[in-house]
Amino acid sequence: MLSLALTRRIARPQLAAGIPALARWYSQKTFNTDGERVIYEKLTEKFKPSELQVEDVSGGCGTFYQIVIASDEFKGLPLVKQQRLVNQTLKEEIQGIHGLQLKTIAPK
């Protein structure tokens, strides 16, 4: 039986390679769920990201999100501190979800 992670890699090879879908990577204007919209707005307000991707990868039920965020706010901070800042910002949302895949990037 295939693991969930392997199934996602097979079904969505662009994400497994770390290359998100370009349309959602540069400017996400449409959201599949209200949860995506809320998370996107909170992160945009707090971090003014140069790049942001928020995707509900639970099939639309809002229990698992994948987030990729690049912000100048992360410059000079260790990876753990970057992710803690995002987790603190999404504290309320995280309480209601099952899982979060988070990638933070400090632009050069």
PDB file of N, CA and C in Angstrom:
ATOM      1  N   MET A   1       0.840  -1.176   0.000  1.00  0.00           N
ATOM      2  CA  MET A   1       0.000   0.000   0.000  1.00  0.00           C
ATOM      3  C   MET A   1       0.887   1.242   0.000  1.00  0.00           C
ATOM      4  N   LEU A   2       0.532   2.208  -0.835  1.00  0.00           N
ATOM      5  CA  LEU A   2       1.324   3.431  -0.939  1.00  0.00           C
ATOM      6  C   LEU A   2       1.074   4.348   0.247  1.00  0.00           C
ATOM      7  N   SER A   3       2.137   4.959   0.706  1.00  0.00           N
ATOM      8  CA  SER A   3       1.968   5.938   1.778  1.00  0.00           C
ATOM      9  C   SER A   3       1.319   7.190   1.209  1.00  0.00           C
ATOM     10  N   LEU A   4       0.727   7.988   2.087  1.00  0.00           N
ATOM     11  CA  LEU A   4       0.074   9.226   1.665  1.00  0.00           C
ATOM     12  C   LEU A   4       1.075  10.168   1.005  1.00  0.00           C
ATOM     13  N   ALA A   5       2.275  10.278   1.576  1.00  0.00           N
ATOM     14  CA  ALA A   5       3.303  11.165   1.012  1.00  0.00           C
ATOM     15  C   ALA A   5       3.704  10.720  -0.389  1.00  0.00           C
ATOM     16  N   LEU A   6       3.885   9.416  -0.573  1.00  0.00           N
ATOM     17  CA  LEU A   6       4.264   8.899  -1.886  1.00  0.00           C
ATOM     18  C   LEU A   6       3.140   9.107  -2.892  1.00  0.00           C
ATOM     19  N   THR A   7       1.914   8.905  -2.466  1.00  0.00           N
ATOM     20  CA  THR A   7       0.765   9.114  -3.344  1.00  0.00           C
ATOM     21  C   THR A   7       0.722  10.560  -3.818  1.00  0.00           C
ATOM     22  N   ARG A   8       0.970  11.509  -2.900  1.00  0.00           N
ATOM     23  CA  ARG A   8       0.978  12.921  -3.291  1.00  0.00           C
ATOM     24  C   ARG A   8       2.097  13.222  -4.282  1.00  0.00           C
ATOM     25  N   ARG A   9       3.255  12.607  -4.085  1.00  0.00           N
ATOM     26  CA  ARG A   9       4.375  12.842  -5.008  1.00  0.00           C
ATOM     27  C   ARG A   9       4.055  12.338  -6.400  1.00  0.00           C
ATOM     28  N   ILE A  10       3.379  11.206  -6.465  1.00  0.00           N
ATOM     29  CA  ILE A  10       3.011  10.639  -7.759  1.00  0.00           C
ATOM     30  C   ILE A  10       1.936  11.502  -8.422  1.00  0.00           C
ATOM     31  N   ALA A  11       0.939  11.895  -7.636  1.00  0.00           N
ATOM     32  CA  ALA A  11      -0.193  12.648  -8.169  1.00  0.00           C
ATOM     33  C   ALA A  11       0.173  14.088  -8.490  1.00  0.00           C
ATOM     34  N   ARG A  12       1.141  14.659  -7.763  1.00  0.00           N
ATOM     35  CA  ARG A  12       1.487  16.070  -7.930  1.00  0.00           C
ATOM     36  C   ARG A  12       2.996  16.228  -7.987  1.00  0.00           C
ATOM     37  N   PRO A  13       3.624  15.775  -9.068  1.00  0.00           N
ATOM     38  CA  PRO A  13       5.087  15.794  -9.127  1.00  0.00           C
ATOM     39  C   PRO A  13       5.694  17.197  -9.044  1.00  0.00           C
ATOM     40  N   GLN A  14       4.985  18.232  -9.474  1.00  0.00           N
ATOM     41  CA  GLN A  14       5.548  19.583  -9.402  1.00  0.00           C
ATOM     42  C   GLN A  14       5.755  20.016  -7.965  1.00  0.00           C
ATOM     43  N   LEU A  15       4.904  19.592  -7.027  1.00  0.00           N
ATOM     44  CA  LEU A  15       5.074  19.940  -5.618  1.00  0.00           C
ATOM     45  C   LEU A  15       6.144  19.081  -4.968  1.00  0.00           C
ATOM     46  N   ALA A  16       6.237  17.814  -5.383  1.00  0.00           N
ATOM     47  CA  ALA A  16       7.256  16.935  -4.831  1.00  0.00           C
ATOM     48  C   ALA A  16       8.651  17.445  -5.176  1.00  0.00           C
ATOM     49  N   ALA A  17       8.767  18.075  -6.331  1.00  0.00           N
ATOM     50  CA  ALA A  17      10.051  18.617  -6.759  1.00  0.00           C
ATOM     51  C   ALA A  17      10.322  19.976  -6.141  1.00  0.00           C
ATOM     52  N   GLY A  18       9.384  20.499  -5.399  1.00  0.00           N
ATOM     53  CA  GLY A  18       9.579  21.793  -4.762  1.00  0.00           C
ATOM     54  C   GLY A  18       9.276  22.949  -5.697  1.00  0.00           C
ATOM     55  N   ILE A  19       8.622  22.670  -6.816  1.00  0.00           N
ATOM     56  CA  ILE A  19       8.279  23.711  -7.773  1.00  0.00           C
ATOM     57  C   ILE A  19       6.768  23.839  -7.808  1.00  0.00           C
ATOM     58  N   PRO A  20       6.200  24.768  -7.053  1.00  0.00           N
ATOM     59  CA  PRO A  20       4.754  24.916  -7.028  1.00  0.00           C
ATOM     60  C   PRO A  20       4.200  25.376  -8.366  1.00  0.00           C
ATOM     61  N   ALA A  21       2.927  25.157  -8.543  1.00  0.00           N
ATOM     62  CA  ALA A  21       2.268  25.610  -9.761  1.00  0.00           C
ATOM     63  C   ALA A  21       2.448  27.120  -9.888  1.00  0.00           C
ATOM     64  N   LEU A  22       2.950  27.570 -11.018  1.00  0.00           N
ATOM     65  CA  LEU A  22       3.319  28.974 -11.178  1.00  0.00           C
ATOM     66  C   LEU A  22       2.166  29.940 -10.972  1.00  0.00           C
ATOM     67  N   ALA A  23       0.980  29.579 -11.414  1.00  0.00           N
ATOM     68  CA  ALA A  23      -0.153  30.494 -11.282  1.00  0.00           C
ATOM     69  C   ALA A  23      -0.464  30.782  -9.817  1.00  0.00           C
ATOM     70  N   ARG A  24      -0.356  29.791  -8.961  1.00  0.00           N
ATOM     71  CA  ARG A  24      -0.652  29.989  -7.545  1.00  0.00           C
ATOM     72  C   ARG A  24       0.550  30.556  -6.808  1.00  0.00           C
ATOM     73  N   TRP A  25       1.762  30.345  -7.318  1.00  0.00           N
ATOM     74  CA  TRP A  25       2.983  30.769  -6.635  1.00  0.00           C
ATOM     75  C   TRP A  25       3.120  32.284  -6.607  1.00  0.00           C
ATOM     76  N   TYR A  26       2.953  32.930  -7.731  1.00  0.00           N
ATOM     77  CA  TYR A  26       3.226  34.353  -7.806  1.00  0.00           C
ATOM     78  C   TYR A  26       2.077  35.215  -7.308  1.00  0.00           C
ATOM     79  N   SER A  27       0.882  34.831  -7.594  1.00  0.00           N
ATOM     80  CA  SER A  27      -0.247  35.661  -7.181  1.00  0.00           C
ATOM     81  C   SER A  27      -1.487  34.791  -7.052  1.00  0.00           C
ATOM     82  N   GLN A  28      -1.850  34.516  -5.843  1.00  0.00           N
ATOM     83  CA  GLN A  28      -3.013  33.674  -5.614  1.00  0.00           C
ATOM     84  C   GLN A  28      -4.231  34.573  -5.468  1.00  0.00           C
ATOM     85  N   LYS A  29      -5.103  34.556  -6.467  1.00  0.00           N
ATOM     86  CA  LYS A  29      -6.282  35.417  -6.452  1.00  0.00           C
ATOM     87  C   LYS A  29      -7.553  34.626  -6.227  1.00  0.00           C
ATOM     88  N   THR A  30      -7.517  33.354  -6.473  1.00  0.00           N
ATOM     89  CA  THR A  30      -8.684  32.514  -6.235  1.00  0.00           C
ATOM     90  C   THR A  30      -8.331  31.487  -5.171  1.00  0.00           C
ATOM     91  N   PHE A  31      -9.302  31.154  -4.366  1.00  0.00           N
ATOM     92  CA  PHE A  31      -9.085  30.213  -3.282  1.00  0.00           C
ATOM     93  C   PHE A  31     -10.086  29.086  -3.396  1.00  0.00           C
ATOM     94  N   ASN A  32      -9.632  27.875  -3.139  1.00  0.00           N
ATOM     95  CA  ASN A  32     -10.519  26.721  -3.196  1.00  0.00           C
ATOM     96  C   ASN A  32     -11.386  26.609  -1.945  1.00  0.00           C
ATOM     97  N   THR A  33     -10.885  27.118  -0.817  1.00  0.00           N
ATOM     98  CA  THR A  33     -11.641  27.038   0.447  1.00  0.00           C
ATOM     99  C   THR A  33     -11.523  28.366   1.193  1.00  0.00           C
ATOM    100  N   ASP A  34     -12.437  28.577   2.130  1.00  0.00           N
ATOM    101  CA  ASP A  34     -12.363  29.768   2.980  1.00  0.00           C
ATOM    102  C   ASP A  34     -11.110  29.739   3.848  1.00  0.00           C
ATOM    103  N   GLY A  35     -10.700  28.545   4.264  1.00  0.00           N
ATOM    104  CA  GLY A  35      -9.493  28.406   5.073  1.00  0.00           C
ATOM    105  C   GLY A  35      -8.266  28.918   4.349  1.00  0.00           C
ATOM    106  N   GLU A  36      -8.139  28.608   3.054  1.00  0.00           N
ATOM    107  CA  GLU A  36      -7.022  29.120   2.252  1.00  0.00           C
ATOM    108  C   GLU A  36      -7.032  30.641   2.247  1.00  0.00           C
ATOM    109  N   ARG A  37      -8.203  31.219   2.053  1.00  0.00           N
ATOM    110  CA  ARG A  37      -8.323  32.672   1.989  1.00  0.00           C
ATOM    111  C   ARG A  37      -7.926  33.328   3.316  1.00  0.00           C
ATOM    112  N   VAL A  38      -8.423  32.787   4.425  1.00  0.00           N
ATOM    113  CA  VAL A  38      -8.133  33.352   5.743  1.00  0.00           C
ATOM    114  C   VAL A  38      -6.635  33.286   6.041  1.00  0.00           C
ATOM    115  N   ILE A  39      -6.030  32.133   5.800  1.00  0.00           N
ATOM    116  CA  ILE A  39      -4.593  31.965   6.053  1.00  0.00           C
ATOM    117  C   ILE A  39      -3.787  32.893   5.155  1.00  0.00           C
ATOM    118  N   TYR A  40      -4.154  32.961   3.875  1.00  0.00           N
ATOM    119  CA  TYR A  40      -3.441  33.823   2.924  1.00  0.00           C
ATOM    120  C   TYR A  40      -3.505  35.286   3.386  1.00  0.00           C
ATOM    121  N   GLU A  41      -4.681  35.744   3.787  1.00  0.00           N
ATOM    122  CA  GLU A  41      -4.842  37.136   4.204  1.00  0.00           C
ATOM    123  C   GLU A  41      -4.049  37.447   5.472  1.00  0.00           C
ATOM    124  N   LYS A  42      -4.079  36.538   6.453  1.00  0.00           N
ATOM    125  CA  LYS A  42      -3.328  36.763   7.689  1.00  0.00           C
ATOM    126  C   LYS A  42      -1.824  36.827   7.433  1.00  0.00           C
ATOM    127  N   LEU A  43      -1.324  35.901   6.625  1.00  0.00           N
ATOM    128  CA  LEU A  43       0.111  35.883   6.344  1.00  0.00           C
ATOM    129  C   LEU A  43       0.537  37.089   5.511  1.00  0.00           C
ATOM    130  N   THR A  44      -0.307  37.503   4.587  1.00  0.00           N
ATOM    131  CA  THR A  44      -0.007  38.680   3.766  1.00  0.00           C
ATOM    132  C   THR A  44       0.045  39.937   4.629  1.00  0.00           C
ATOM    133  N   GLU A  45      -0.906  40.069   5.541  1.00  0.00           N
ATOM    134  CA  GLU A  45      -0.954  41.234   6.416  1.00  0.00           C
ATOM    135  C   GLU A  45       0.257  41.297   7.344  1.00  0.00           C
ATOM    136  N   LYS A  46       0.645  40.157   7.911  1.00  0.00           N
ATOM    137  CA  LYS A  46       1.721  40.121   8.904  1.00  0.00           C
ATOM    138  C   LYS A  46       3.118  40.212   8.286  1.00  0.00           C
ATOM    139  N   PHE A  47       3.350  39.475   7.188  1.00  0.00           N
ATOM    140  CA  PHE A  47       4.710  39.325   6.664  1.00  0.00           C
ATOM    141  C   PHE A  47       4.994  40.059   5.361  1.00  0.00           C
ATOM    142  N   LYS A  48       3.988  40.585   4.681  1.00  0.00           N
ATOM    143  CA  LYS A  48       4.189  41.235   3.382  1.00  0.00           C
ATOM    144  C   LYS A  48       5.100  40.368   2.490  1.00  0.00           C
ATOM    145  N   PRO A  49       4.692  39.124   2.244  1.00  0.00           N
ATOM    146  CA  PRO A  49       5.579  38.180   1.550  1.00  0.00           C
ATOM    147  C   PRO A  49       5.815  38.543   0.090  1.00  0.00           C
ATOM    148  N   SER A  50       7.009  38.221  -0.375  1.00  0.00           N
ATOM    149  CA  SER A  50       7.308  38.382  -1.792  1.00  0.00           C
ATOM    150  C   SER A  50       6.738  37.208  -2.582  1.00  0.00           C
ATOM    151  N   GLU A  51       6.578  36.067  -1.911  1.00  0.00           N
ATOM    152  CA  GLU A  51       5.978  34.884  -2.521  1.00  0.00           C
ATOM    153  C   GLU A  51       5.157  34.179  -1.452  1.00  0.00           C
ATOM    154  N   LEU A  52       3.973  33.725  -1.836  1.00  0.00           N
ATOM    155  CA  LEU A  52       3.115  33.025  -0.880  1.00  0.00           C
ATOM    156  C   LEU A  52       2.225  32.031  -1.601  1.00  0.00           C
ATOM    157  N   GLN A  53       2.225  30.814  -1.099  1.00  0.00           N
ATOM    158  CA  GLN A  53       1.341  29.770  -1.616  1.00  0.00           C
ATOM    159  C   GLN A  53       0.640  29.136  -0.416  1.00  0.00           C
ATOM    160  N   VAL A  54      -0.662  29.092  -0.469  1.00  0.00           N
ATOM    161  CA  VAL A  54      -1.461  28.434   0.559  1.00  0.00           C
ATOM    162  C   VAL A  54      -2.382  27.462  -0.161  1.00  0.00           C
ATOM    163  N   GLU A  55      -2.315  26.200   0.225  1.00  0.00           N
ATOM    164  CA  GLU A  55      -3.145  25.208  -0.445  1.00  0.00           C
ATOM    165  C   GLU A  55      -3.714  24.217   0.563  1.00  0.00           C
ATOM    166  N   ASP A  56      -5.015  24.011   0.482  1.00  0.00           N
ATOM    167  CA  ASP A  56      -5.690  22.988   1.278  1.00  0.00           C
ATOM    168  C   ASP A  56      -5.471  21.663   0.550  1.00  0.00           C
ATOM    169  N   VAL A  57      -4.600  20.826   1.109  1.00  0.00           N
ATOM    170  CA  VAL A  57      -4.277  19.554   0.458  1.00  0.00           C
ATOM    171  C   VAL A  57      -5.047  18.389   1.076  1.00  0.00           C
ATOM    172  N   SER A  58      -6.101  18.723   1.831  1.00  0.00           N
ATOM    173  CA  SER A  58      -6.916  17.687   2.464  1.00  0.00           C
ATOM    174  C   SER A  58      -8.116  17.308   1.610  1.00  0.00           C
ATOM    175  N   GLY A  59      -8.182  17.853   0.414  1.00  0.00           N
ATOM    176  CA  GLY A  59      -9.324  17.554  -0.437  1.00  0.00           C
ATOM    177  C   GLY A  59     -10.482  18.508  -0.230  1.00  0.00           C
ATOM    178  N   GLY A  60     -10.217  19.636   0.408  1.00  0.00           N
ATOM    179  CA  GLY A  60     -11.245  20.650   0.581  1.00  0.00           C
ATOM    180  C   GLY A  60     -11.919  20.672   1.938  1.00  0.00           C
ATOM    181  N   CYS A  61     -11.549  19.747   2.819  1.00  0.00           N
ATOM    182  CA  CYS A  61     -12.208  19.723   4.125  1.00  0.00           C
ATOM    183  C   CYS A  61     -11.511  20.615   5.155  1.00  0.00           C
ATOM    184  N   GLY A  62     -10.368  21.191   4.817  1.00  0.00           N
ATOM    185  CA  GLY A  62      -9.714  22.158   5.687  1.00  0.00           C
ATOM    186  C   GLY A  62      -8.954  21.579   6.855  1.00  0.00           C
ATOM    187  N   THR A  63      -8.473  20.344   6.733  1.00  0.00           N
ATOM    188  CA  THR A  63      -7.762  19.737   7.861  1.00  0.00           C
ATOM    189  C   THR A  63      -6.253  19.665   7.659  1.00  0.00           C
ATOM    190  N   PHE A  64      -5.759  19.939   6.452  1.00  0.00           N
ATOM    191  CA  PHE A  64      -4.315  19.869   6.185  1.00  0.00           C
ATOM    192  C   PHE A  64      -3.962  20.919   5.143  1.00  0.00           C
ATOM    193  N   TYR A  65      -3.000  21.770   5.474  1.00  0.00           N
ATOM    194  CA  TYR A  65      -2.598  22.844   4.569  1.00  0.00           C
ATOM    195  C   TYR A  65      -1.117  22.767   4.254  1.00  0.00           C
ATOM    196  N   GLN A  66      -0.791  23.184   3.039  1.00  0.00           N
ATOM    197  CA  GLN A  66       0.597  23.323   2.607  1.00  0.00           C
ATOM    198  C   GLN A  66       0.826  24.813   2.385  1.00  0.00           C
ATOM    199  N   ILE A  67       1.849  25.356   3.048  1.00  0.00           N
ATOM    200  CA  ILE A  67       2.152  26.776   2.938  1.00  0.00           C
ATOM    201  C   ILE A  67       3.618  26.953   2.564  1.00  0.00           C
ATOM    202  N   VAL A  68       3.854  27.787   1.567  1.00  0.00           N
ATOM    203  CA  VAL A  68       5.204  28.204   1.195  1.00  0.00           C
ATOM    204  C   VAL A  68       5.190  29.723   1.258  1.00  0.00           C
ATOM    205  N   ILE A  69       6.096  30.301   2.049  1.00  0.00           N
ATOM    206  CA  ILE A  69       6.116  31.743   2.227  1.00  0.00           C
ATOM    207  C   ILE A  69       7.551  32.258   2.202  1.00  0.00           C
ATOM    208  N   ALA A  70       7.771  33.327   1.435  1.00  0.00           N
ATOM    209  CA  ALA A  70       9.064  34.012   1.378  1.00  0.00           C
ATOM    210  C   ALA A  70       8.838  35.456   1.805  1.00  0.00           C
ATOM    211  N   SER A  71       9.613  35.896   2.802  1.00  0.00           N
ATOM    212  CA  SER A  71       9.433  37.247   3.319  1.00  0.00           C
ATOM    213  C   SER A  71      10.760  37.803   3.826  1.00  0.00           C
ATOM    214  N   ASP A  72      10.937  39.109   3.660  1.00  0.00           N
ATOM    215  CA  ASP A  72      12.116  39.777   4.201  1.00  0.00           C
ATOM    216  C   ASP A  72      12.139  39.722   5.721  1.00  0.00           C
ATOM    217  N   GLU A  73      10.980  39.515   6.342  1.00  0.00           N
ATOM    218  CA  GLU A  73      10.892  39.405   7.799  1.00  0.00           C
ATOM    219  C   GLU A  73      11.727  38.233   8.331  1.00  0.00           C
ATOM    220  N   PHE A  74      12.046  37.267   7.463  1.00  0.00           N
ATOM    221  CA  PHE A  74      12.776  36.082   7.875  1.00  0.00           C
ATOM    222  C   PHE A  74      14.291  36.239   7.763  1.00  0.00           C
ATOM    223  N   LYS A  75      14.759  37.320   7.168  1.00  0.00           N
ATOM    224  CA  LYS A  75      16.198  37.505   6.963  1.00  0.00           C
ATOM    225  C   LYS A  75      16.942  37.482   8.291  1.00  0.00           C
ATOM    226  N   GLY A  76      17.993  36.683   8.320  1.00  0.00           N
ATOM    227  CA  GLY A  76      18.836  36.598   9.503  1.00  0.00           C
ATOM    228  C   GLY A  76      18.300  35.717  10.615  1.00  0.00           C
ATOM    229  N   LEU A  77      17.124  35.150  10.438  1.00  0.00           N
ATOM    230  CA  LEU A  77      16.531  34.294  11.470  1.00  0.00           C
ATOM    231  C   LEU A  77      16.755  32.821  11.137  1.00  0.00           C
ATOM    232  N   PRO A  78      16.999  32.007  12.157  1.00  0.00           N
ATOM    233  CA  PRO A  78      17.091  30.563  11.903  1.00  0.00           C
ATOM    234  C   PRO A  78      15.742  30.020  11.427  1.00  0.00           C
ATOM    235  N   LEU A  79      15.785  28.909  10.731  1.00  0.00           N
ATOM    236  CA  LEU A  79      14.577  28.302  10.168  1.00  0.00           C
ATOM    237  C   LEU A  79      13.505  28.057  11.236  1.00  0.00           C
ATOM    238  N   VAL A  80      13.925  27.570  12.401  1.00  0.00           N
ATOM    239  CA  VAL A  80      12.958  27.288  13.475  1.00  0.00           C
ATOM    240  C   VAL A  80      12.249  28.567  13.908  1.00  0.00           C
ATOM    241  N   LYS A  81      12.960  29.672  14.028  1.00  0.00           N
ATOM    242  CA  LYS A  81      12.367  30.950  14.427  1.00  0.00           C
ATOM    243  C   LYS A  81      11.392  31.453  13.351  1.00  0.00           C
ATOM    244  N   GLN A  82      11.765  31.287  12.076  1.00  0.00           N
ATOM    245  CA  GLN A  82      10.877  31.682  10.973  1.00  0.00           C
ATOM    246  C   GLN A  82       9.550  30.940  11.084  1.00  0.00           C
ATOM    247  N   GLN A  83       9.634  29.639  11.296  1.00  0.00           N
ATOM    248  CA  GLN A  83       8.423  28.832  11.346  1.00  0.00           C
ATOM    249  C   GLN A  83       7.605  29.117  12.606  1.00  0.00           C
ATOM    250  N   ARG A  84       8.267  29.435  13.706  1.00  0.00           N
ATOM    251  CA  ARG A  84       7.540  29.814  14.919  1.00  0.00           C
ATOM    252  C   ARG A  84       6.749  31.101  14.702  1.00  0.00           C
ATOM    253  N   LEU A  85       7.329  32.048  13.971  1.00  0.00           N
ATOM    254  CA  LEU A  85       6.610  33.293  13.684  1.00  0.00           C
ATOM    255  C   LEU A  85       5.328  33.017  12.899  1.00  0.00           C
ATOM    256  N   VAL A  86       5.425  32.143  11.912  1.00  0.00           N
ATOM    257  CA  VAL A  86       4.244  31.787  11.118  1.00  0.00           C
ATOM    258  C   VAL A  86       3.225  31.051  11.999  1.00  0.00           C
ATOM    259  N   ASN A  87       3.702  30.111  12.805  1.00  0.00           N
ATOM    260  CA  ASN A  87       2.795  29.369  13.687  1.00  0.00           C
ATOM    261  C   ASN A  87       2.087  30.294  14.671  1.00  0.00           C
ATOM    262  N   GLN A  88       2.789  31.294  15.206  1.00  0.00           N
ATOM    263  CA  GLN A  88       2.168  32.244  16.125  1.00  0.00           C
ATOM    264  C   GLN A  88       1.095  33.064  15.416  1.00  0.00           C
ATOM    265  N   THR A  89       1.365  33.436  14.178  1.00  0.00           N
ATOM    266  CA  THR A  89       0.409  34.218  13.393  1.00  0.00           C
ATOM    267  C   THR A  89      -0.858  33.412  13.120  1.00  0.00           C
ATOM    268  N   LEU A  90      -0.700  32.120  12.914  1.00  0.00           N
ATOM    269  CA  LEU A  90      -1.837  31.254  12.571  1.00  0.00           C
ATOM    270  C   LEU A  90      -2.326  30.435  13.766  1.00  0.00           C
ATOM    271  N   LYS A  91      -2.055  30.908  14.963  1.00  0.00           N
ATOM    272  CA  LYS A  91      -2.379  30.153  16.179  1.00  0.00           C
ATOM    273  C   LYS A  91      -3.837  29.691  16.213  1.00  0.00           C
ATOM    274  N   GLU A  92      -4.763  30.576  15.924  1.00  0.00           N
ATOM    275  CA  GLU A  92      -6.187  30.222  15.960  1.00  0.00           C
ATOM    276  C   GLU A  92      -6.535  29.188  14.892  1.00  0.00           C
ATOM    277  N   GLU A  93      -6.008  29.354  13.692  1.00  0.00           N
ATOM    278  CA  GLU A  93      -6.316  28.440  12.589  1.00  0.00           C
ATOM    279  C   GLU A  93      -5.717  27.062  12.838  1.00  0.00           C
ATOM    280  N   ILE A  94      -4.517  27.028  13.418  1.00  0.00           N
ATOM    281  CA  ILE A  94      -3.832  25.758  13.652  1.00  0.00           C
ATOM    282  C   ILE A  94      -4.611  24.889  14.635  1.00  0.00           C
ATOM    283  N   GLN A  95      -5.304  25.498  15.563  1.00  0.00           N
ATOM    284  CA  GLN A  95      -6.080  24.730  16.541  1.00  0.00           C
ATOM    285  C   GLN A  95      -7.151  23.879  15.869  1.00  0.00           C
ATOM    286  N   GLY A  96      -7.656  24.323  14.726  1.00  0.00           N
ATOM    287  CA  GLY A  96      -8.747  23.611  14.080  1.00  0.00           C
ATOM    288  C   GLY A  96      -8.337  22.701  12.940  1.00  0.00           C
ATOM    289  N   ILE A  97      -7.035  22.543  12.702  1.00  0.00           N
ATOM    290  CA  ILE A  97      -6.604  21.688  11.590  1.00  0.00           C
ATOM    291  C   ILE A  97      -5.809  20.496  12.106  1.00  0.00           C
ATOM    292  N   HIS A  98      -5.664  19.513  11.247  1.00  0.00           N
ATOM    293  CA  HIS A  98      -4.966  18.289  11.620  1.00  0.00           C
ATOM    294  C   HIS A  98      -3.473  18.380  11.321  1.00  0.00           C
ATOM    295  N   GLY A  99      -3.104  19.021  10.221  1.00  0.00           N
ATOM    296  CA  GLY A  99      -1.694  19.055   9.838  1.00  0.00           C
ATOM    297  C   GLY A  99      -1.338  20.289   9.035  1.00  0.00           C
ATOM    298  N   LEU A 100      -0.052  20.625   9.090  1.00  0.00           N
ATOM    299  CA  LEU A 100       0.463  21.799   8.384  1.00  0.00           C
ATOM    300  C   LEU A 100       1.846  21.485   7.847  1.00  0.00           C
ATOM    301  N   GLN A 101       2.008  21.656   6.555  1.00  0.00           N
ATOM    302  CA  GLN A 101       3.316  21.520   5.923  1.00  0.00           C
ATOM    303  C   GLN A 101       3.781  22.930   5.612  1.00  0.00           C
ATOM    304  N   LEU A 102       4.874  23.356   6.223  1.00  0.00           N
ATOM    305  CA  LEU A 102       5.295  24.751   6.151  1.00  0.00           C
ATOM    306  C   LEU A 102       6.720  24.852   5.638  1.00  0.00           C
ATOM    307  N   LYS A 103       6.904  25.713   4.644  1.00  0.00           N
ATOM    308  CA  LYS A 103       8.237  26.019   4.131  1.00  0.00           C
ATOM    309  C   LYS A 103       8.404  27.528   4.148  1.00  0.00           C
ATOM    310  N   THR A 104       9.392  27.997   4.896  1.00  0.00           N
ATOM    311  CA  THR A 104       9.674  29.424   4.950  1.00  0.00           C
ATOM    312  C   THR A 104      10.973  29.693   4.205  1.00  0.00           C
ATOM    313  N   ILE A 105      11.017  30.867   3.544  1.00  0.00           N
ATOM    314  CA  ILE A 105      12.181  31.237   2.732  1.00  0.00           C
ATOM    315  C   ILE A 105      12.547  32.675   3.060  1.00  0.00           C
ATOM    316  N   ALA A 106      13.829  32.894   3.303  1.00  0.00           N
ATOM    317  CA  ALA A 106      14.336  34.256   3.489  1.00  0.00           C
ATOM    318  C   ALA A 106      14.992  34.671   2.178  1.00  0.00           C
ATOM    319  N   PRO A 107      14.368  35.578   1.409  1.00  0.00           N
ATOM    320  CA  PRO A 107      14.935  35.984   0.120  1.00  0.00           C
ATOM    321  C   PRO A 107      16.343  36.552   0.301  1.00  0.00           C
ATOM    322  N   LYS A 108      17.157  36.383  -0.716  1.00  0.00           N
ATOM    323  CA  LYS A 108      18.538  36.866  -0.658  1.00  0.00           C
ATOM    324  C   LYS A 108      18.657  38.254  -1.209  1.00  0.00           C
TER     325      LYS A 108
END
